[in-house]
Amino acid sequence: MIRRQHLAKFEARAKVIKAMAHPTRLIILDELSEHGERCVCDLTELVGTDMSTVSRHLSQLKNAGLVIDEKRGTMVFYRLRVKCLTNFFSCVEAVLQQNADEHRELVTLELM
C-alpha cells in the first residue's frame, strides 16, 4: 500500500501534468521553452484566441508552478520556472515517434 507521503508526491505530480494537459497550454509552454519569455500579447497572437482565455491558461500554468510572471508597466511577461520542460517535450516526442514506428511496422506486416 502507498504511504500517505508517497501519495502526496503522486498527487503533486498529477497536478503538474494536469496543468499541461491542454493543447493551448502545451503551445504556450513550447513557445516559452524555445524562445524564452513572452508577453501575454505575443502568446495571444500565437494561440489565436482572446487575451482572457490565454490569461486563464497562463494562470493554470502558474498555479502548477510551471511558469512565473513579471509585470513591467502595463505588460505581463511569462517565462518557464524550470528549464527541464525542454527535456519533457523531447521525451514526449520520443514516445510519439516510437508509437508511429510501431504502427508503421504493423501496417507493413498486415499488407504482406
Protein backbone atom coordinates (compact mmCIF):
# COMPACT_ATOMS: atom_id res chain seq x y z
CA MET A 1 0.00 0.00 0.00
CA ILE A 2 1.22 3.50 -0.83
CA ARG A 3 2.03 5.60 2.19
CA ARG A 4 0.43 8.98 2.65
CA GLN A 5 3.66 10.87 1.88
CA HIS A 6 4.12 8.94 -1.35
CA LEU A 7 0.52 9.57 -2.32
CA ALA A 8 1.02 13.31 -1.78
CA LYS A 9 4.02 13.20 -4.14
CA PHE A 10 1.97 11.49 -6.86
CA GLU A 11 -0.90 13.93 -6.37
CA ALA A 12 1.54 16.83 -6.80
CA ARG A 13 2.88 15.23 -9.98
CA ALA A 14 -0.65 14.78 -11.28
CA LYS A 15 -1.37 18.48 -10.66
CA VAL A 16 1.59 19.49 -12.83
CA ILE A 17 0.71 17.03 -15.58
CA LYS A 18 -2.96 18.06 -15.49
CA ALA A 19 -1.95 21.71 -15.94
CA MET A 20 -0.09 20.74 -19.11
CA ALA A 21 -2.92 18.57 -20.44
CA HIS A 22 -4.39 21.05 -22.90
CA PRO A 23 -3.17 21.84 -26.44
CA THR A 24 -3.15 25.60 -25.83
CA ARG A 25 -1.08 25.25 -22.67
CA LEU A 26 1.33 22.95 -24.49
CA ILE A 27 1.69 25.55 -27.26
CA ILE A 28 2.45 28.21 -24.64
CA LEU A 29 4.97 26.01 -22.83
CA ASP A 30 6.64 25.06 -26.09
CA GLU A 31 6.93 28.71 -27.11
CA LEU A 32 8.44 29.67 -23.75
CA SER A 33 10.76 26.68 -23.92
CA GLU A 34 12.04 27.60 -27.36
CA HIS A 35 12.09 31.40 -27.18
CA GLY A 36 12.30 32.41 -23.53
CA GLU A 37 9.99 34.94 -22.01
CA ARG A 38 6.96 36.28 -23.85
CA CYS A 39 4.32 38.87 -23.06
CA VAL A 40 0.68 37.88 -22.92
CA CYS A 41 0.04 39.81 -26.14
CA ASP A 42 2.61 37.68 -28.03
CA LEU A 43 1.11 34.47 -26.65
CA THR A 44 -2.40 35.63 -27.55
CA GLU A 45 -1.32 36.19 -31.14
CA LEU A 46 0.45 32.82 -31.24
CA VAL A 47 -2.51 30.88 -29.89
CA GLY A 48 -5.05 32.83 -31.93
CA THR A 49 -7.58 33.39 -29.18
CA ASP A 50 -8.60 36.26 -26.91
CA MET A 51 -6.39 37.60 -24.14
CA SER A 52 -8.68 36.49 -21.31
CA THR A 53 -8.55 32.86 -22.49
CA VAL A 54 -4.75 32.96 -22.72
CA SER A 55 -4.59 34.58 -19.28
CA ARG A 56 -6.69 31.75 -17.81
CA HIS A 57 -4.35 29.18 -19.33
CA LEU A 58 -1.33 31.05 -18.01
CA SER A 59 -2.93 31.20 -14.57
CA GLN A 60 -3.27 27.42 -14.53
CA LEU A 61 0.35 27.02 -15.59
CA LYS A 62 1.45 29.47 -12.92
CA ASN A 63 -0.61 27.77 -10.19
CA ALA A 64 1.06 24.46 -11.08
CA GLY A 65 4.50 26.08 -10.76
CA LEU A 66 5.39 25.76 -14.43
CA VAL A 67 5.73 29.45 -15.28
CA ILE A 68 6.48 32.68 -13.50
CA ASP A 69 5.40 36.15 -14.47
CA GLU A 70 6.82 39.63 -14.21
CA LYS A 71 4.81 42.80 -14.64
CA ARG A 72 6.53 45.66 -16.46
CA GLY A 73 4.31 48.70 -16.66
CA THR A 74 1.04 47.53 -18.15
CA MET A 75 2.53 44.39 -19.72
CA VAL A 76 2.99 40.98 -18.10
CA PHE A 77 5.79 38.70 -19.26
CA TYR A 78 5.92 34.95 -18.65
CA ARG A 79 8.81 32.52 -18.67
CA LEU A 80 9.39 28.92 -17.67
CA ARG A 81 10.06 28.43 -13.99
CA VAL A 82 12.32 25.45 -14.72
CA LYS A 83 14.21 24.61 -17.90
CA CYS A 84 13.69 20.84 -17.68
CA LEU A 85 10.40 21.11 -19.59
CA THR A 86 12.51 21.04 -22.74
CA ASN A 87 13.59 17.50 -21.79
CA PHE A 88 9.98 16.59 -21.08
CA PHE A 89 8.92 17.65 -24.57
CA SER A 90 11.79 15.67 -26.08
CA CYS A 91 10.60 12.62 -24.15
CA VAL A 92 7.02 13.06 -25.36
CA GLU A 93 8.27 13.35 -28.95
CA ALA A 94 10.29 10.14 -28.50
CA VAL A 95 7.15 8.33 -27.32
CA LEU A 96 5.18 9.66 -30.31
CA GLN A 97 7.94 8.59 -32.70
CA GLN A 98 8.11 5.12 -31.16
CA ASN A 99 4.33 4.76 -31.44
CA ALA A 100 4.43 5.84 -35.09
CA ASP A 101 7.25 3.40 -35.86
CA GLU A 102 5.35 0.52 -34.26
CA HIS A 103 2.16 1.46 -36.09
CA ARG A 104 4.06 1.62 -39.39
CA GLU A 105 5.52 -1.85 -38.71
CA LEU A 106 2.07 -3.27 -38.01
CA VAL A 107 0.63 -1.81 -41.19
CA THR A 108 3.55 -3.18 -43.22
CA LEU A 109 3.07 -6.65 -41.72
CA GLU A 110 -0.67 -6.59 -42.45
CA LEU A 111 -0.01 -5.68 -46.10
CA MET A 112 2.30 -8.69 -46.59
